[in-house]
Protein backbone atom coordinates (compact mmCIF):
# COMPACT_ATOMS: atom_id res chain seq x y z
CA MET A 1 -0.17 -0.10 0.26
CA LEU A 2 1.00 3.02 -0.90
CA ARG A 3 0.78 6.60 1.29
CA ILE A 4 -0.17 9.41 -1.06
CA ILE A 5 0.05 13.23 0.37
CA LEU A 6 -2.14 15.30 -1.63
CA ASP A 7 -1.98 19.46 -0.92
CA CYS A 8 -5.57 21.30 -0.94
CA ASP A 9 -5.06 24.54 -2.03
CA ASP A 10 -4.36 24.73 -5.82
CA VAL A 11 -4.66 21.11 -5.76
CA LEU A 12 -7.81 19.83 -4.79
CA TYR A 13 -9.60 23.29 -4.16
CA GLN A 14 -10.04 26.87 -6.64
CA THR A 15 -8.29 28.65 -4.11
CA ASN A 16 -6.45 31.48 -6.15
CA GLU A 17 -9.45 31.23 -8.42
CA ALA A 18 -11.92 31.79 -5.99
CA ALA A 19 -9.81 34.83 -4.37
CA LEU A 20 -8.85 36.66 -7.94
CA LYS A 21 -12.75 36.44 -8.65
CA ARG A 22 -13.50 37.99 -5.00
CA LEU A 23 -10.45 40.77 -5.86
CA ASN A 24 -11.45 41.67 -9.45
CA GLU A 25 -15.44 41.60 -7.99
CA LYS A 26 -14.47 44.08 -5.49
CA LEU A 27 -11.35 46.47 -7.74
CA GLY A 28 -12.88 46.10 -10.75
CA THR A 29 -10.15 44.44 -12.39
CA ALA A 30 -9.74 41.15 -15.03
CA TYR A 31 -6.55 39.52 -13.11
CA THR A 32 -6.29 35.32 -14.16
CA LEU A 33 -3.97 32.86 -12.43
CA GLY A 34 -1.86 33.95 -15.11
CA ASN A 35 -0.93 37.21 -13.47
CA ILE A 36 0.35 35.04 -9.96
CA THR A 37 3.80 34.51 -12.14
CA LYS A 38 5.54 33.47 -8.73
CA TRP A 39 5.15 32.11 -4.73
CA GLY A 40 4.74 35.26 -2.51
CA LYS A 41 4.36 39.26 -2.90
CA ILE A 42 3.93 40.50 -6.45
CA SER A 43 1.99 44.01 -6.79
CA PRO A 44 -0.24 45.50 -4.15
CA ASP A 45 -3.32 44.55 -5.77
CA LEU A 46 -2.38 41.04 -6.72
CA ASP A 47 -1.29 40.51 -2.95
CA TYR A 48 -4.74 42.05 -1.33
CA ARG A 49 -5.97 38.11 -2.52
CA MET A 50 -3.94 36.42 0.14
CA GLU A 51 -6.00 38.36 2.84
CA TYR A 52 -8.71 36.10 1.57
CA PHE A 53 -7.33 33.28 2.59
CA GLN A 54 -7.23 34.10 6.54
CA ASN A 55 -11.24 34.45 6.23
CA PRO A 56 -12.79 30.94 7.38
CA ASP A 57 -15.72 31.94 5.40
CA PHE A 58 -13.61 31.97 2.29
CA ILE A 59 -11.92 28.93 3.39
CA GLN A 60 -15.26 27.02 4.10
CA ASP A 61 -16.69 27.97 0.65
CA LEU A 62 -14.13 27.82 -1.69
CA PRO A 63 -14.98 25.06 -4.87
CA VAL A 64 -13.47 22.13 -5.62
CA TYR A 65 -11.82 21.46 -9.11
CA ASP A 66 -13.52 19.57 -11.23
CA GLY A 67 -12.58 15.85 -11.04
CA ALA A 68 -11.07 16.35 -7.41
CA SER A 69 -13.24 13.89 -5.83
CA GLU A 70 -12.67 10.98 -8.42
CA PHE A 71 -9.09 11.63 -8.16
CA ILE A 72 -8.99 10.95 -4.55
CA ALA A 73 -11.33 7.82 -4.99
CA CYS A 74 -8.87 6.84 -7.54
CA LEU A 75 -5.87 7.16 -5.29
CA MET A 76 -7.40 5.63 -2.75
CA LYS A 77 -7.21 2.44 -4.79
CA PHE A 78 -3.76 2.36 -4.36
CA GLY A 79 -3.36 3.20 -0.99
CA ASP A 80 -3.65 5.29 1.71
CA VAL A 81 -3.91 9.06 1.08
CA ILE A 82 -3.48 11.91 3.65
CA LEU A 83 -4.57 15.45 2.83
CA ALA A 84 -1.66 18.04 4.32
CA THR A 85 -2.86 21.46 3.83
CA SER A 86 -1.36 24.68 5.54
CA VAL A 87 -3.92 27.17 6.67
CA SER A 88 -4.21 29.90 9.33
CA PRO A 89 -5.31 28.53 13.01
CA ARG A 90 -8.31 30.81 12.58
CA CYS A 91 -9.27 28.90 9.20
CA ALA A 92 -8.35 25.16 10.66
CA THR A 93 -11.92 24.17 11.84
CA ALA A 94 -13.38 25.84 8.13
CA ARG A 95 -10.95 23.97 6.36
CA LEU A 96 -11.78 20.58 7.97
CA ASP A 97 -15.39 20.97 7.70
CA ALA A 98 -14.69 21.59 4.38
CA ILE A 99 -12.22 18.57 3.61
CA ARG A 100 -15.81 16.34 5.64
CA ARG A 101 -18.20 17.61 2.98
CA ASP A 102 -16.11 17.50 -0.43
CA PHE A 103 -14.36 14.53 0.25
CA PRO A 104 -16.27 12.55 2.58
CA MET A 105 -14.68 9.31 1.67
CA VAL A 106 -10.89 10.49 3.57
CA ASN A 107 -10.65 9.17 6.74
CA PRO A 108 -10.80 12.38 9.23
CA GLY A 109 -7.11 11.01 10.75
CA ASN A 110 -5.20 10.97 7.59
CA VAL A 111 -6.07 15.18 7.18
CA LEU A 112 -2.79 17.15 8.55
CA ILE A 113 -2.92 20.79 9.51
CA CYS A 114 0.52 22.01 9.02
CA ASN A 115 2.78 24.69 7.68
CA GLU A 116 5.94 22.84 7.30
CA LYS A 117 5.30 19.73 5.00
CA SER A 118 8.62 18.50 5.11
CA HIS A 119 8.49 16.37 7.84
CA ILE A 120 5.62 14.59 6.33
CA ALA A 121 6.93 11.11 5.22
CA GLY A 122 5.39 8.77 2.21
CA ASP A 123 6.03 7.49 -1.20
CA PHE A 124 4.13 10.32 -3.20
CA MET A 125 3.16 13.88 -2.68
CA LEU A 126 1.85 16.40 -5.08
CA ASP A 127 2.12 20.33 -4.22
CA ASP A 128 1.77 23.38 -6.39
CA GLY A 129 4.45 24.57 -3.82
CA TYR A 130 7.84 24.26 -5.05
CA HIS A 131 9.39 25.37 -1.53
CA ASN A 132 6.87 21.87 -0.73
CA VAL A 133 8.21 19.62 -2.96
CA VAL A 134 12.24 20.07 -2.67
CA CYS A 135 12.13 19.61 1.02
CA SER A 136 9.78 17.01 0.64
CA ALA A 137 9.95 13.54 2.97
CA ALA A 138 8.19 11.56 0.19
CA LYS A 139 9.84 9.26 -2.10
CA VAL A 140 8.83 11.02 -5.15
CA PRO A 141 7.40 14.86 -4.64
CA VAL A 142 5.46 15.82 -7.44
CA LEU A 143 5.05 19.75 -8.50
CA TYR A 144 1.58 20.43 -9.73
CA GLU A 145 2.06 23.07 -12.46
CA LYS A 146 0.64 26.10 -12.23
CA PRO A 147 1.72 29.66 -13.79
CA TRP A 148 3.60 30.85 -10.41
CA ASN A 149 5.33 27.23 -10.66
CA ARG A 150 6.06 26.37 -13.81
CA ASP A 151 9.62 28.11 -14.54
CA ALA A 152 10.69 26.30 -11.77
CA GLY A 153 12.86 23.94 -13.39
CA TYR A 154 11.70 20.82 -11.06
CA LYS A 155 12.33 17.03 -12.50
CA ALA A 156 8.94 15.57 -11.37
CA SER A 157 5.87 17.57 -12.34
CA VAL A 158 2.68 16.84 -13.64
CA SER A 159 -0.23 19.20 -15.07
CA SER A 160 -3.18 17.36 -14.39
CA TYR A 161 -4.53 14.35 -12.30
CA GLN A 162 -4.58 11.73 -14.99
CA GLU A 163 -0.46 12.45 -15.41
CA PHE A 164 -0.18 11.82 -11.65
CA ILE A 165 -2.38 8.73 -11.47
CA ASN A 166 -0.35 7.69 -14.78
CA LEU A 167 2.67 8.21 -12.42
CA ILE A 168 1.96 6.30 -9.87
CA SER A 169 0.45 3.50 -11.28
CA GLY A 170 3.84 3.09 -13.15
CA TYR A 171 5.32 2.85 -9.65
CA ARG A 172 6.98 -0.60 -8.49
CA ARG A 173 7.91 -0.94 -4.98
C-alpha cells in the first residue's frame, strides 16, 4: 500500500481562482491565474487576494476542481491518501469542515494541518508549492504545475490529475 500525500489549496480547491474572482469584483480588475507569476508578493493589488486566505468563510466556501473527488477515490485504490494543508489557525475548523463535506471518503485522521510539510513521509506527494516539494520527505515529491511554478524546472511535475495517476500506476515498490 502506498502513502500518497496531497496538498489542498490549488490542487484540490480552487483557492487562487476564488480569491481572484473576489478581488476582481472588488477592484473592477480582470486578473487571471496567469498574473500570479511567483509565490509570494507580486503587486499591491494581486497581493490583496492573500487576505482572503485568512478568512474562515472564504476557506469554507472554496469550490473544488472538477474531478477532485474522483481523483482521490482513484488514488485510494493504490493506498492511503493523506491531505496535508496549510491554513491559518483561525481557518483550521473551516478547512476540516470543508474536507469532510467535499471529500467524505477521506478518513478524518488522514487530514494534517501543518505549515511545515517537510516532515510528512510517504511514497508520493503532490503539491503546487515548489518550496514544499524540494524539501519533501516523500520518496517521490511531484510538483503540480501552476503559473507561479512553471519556470521552476523541477524534474517531477504534472499538469493534470491523470498524469499523476499515470505516474503512480507506473511505480513499482
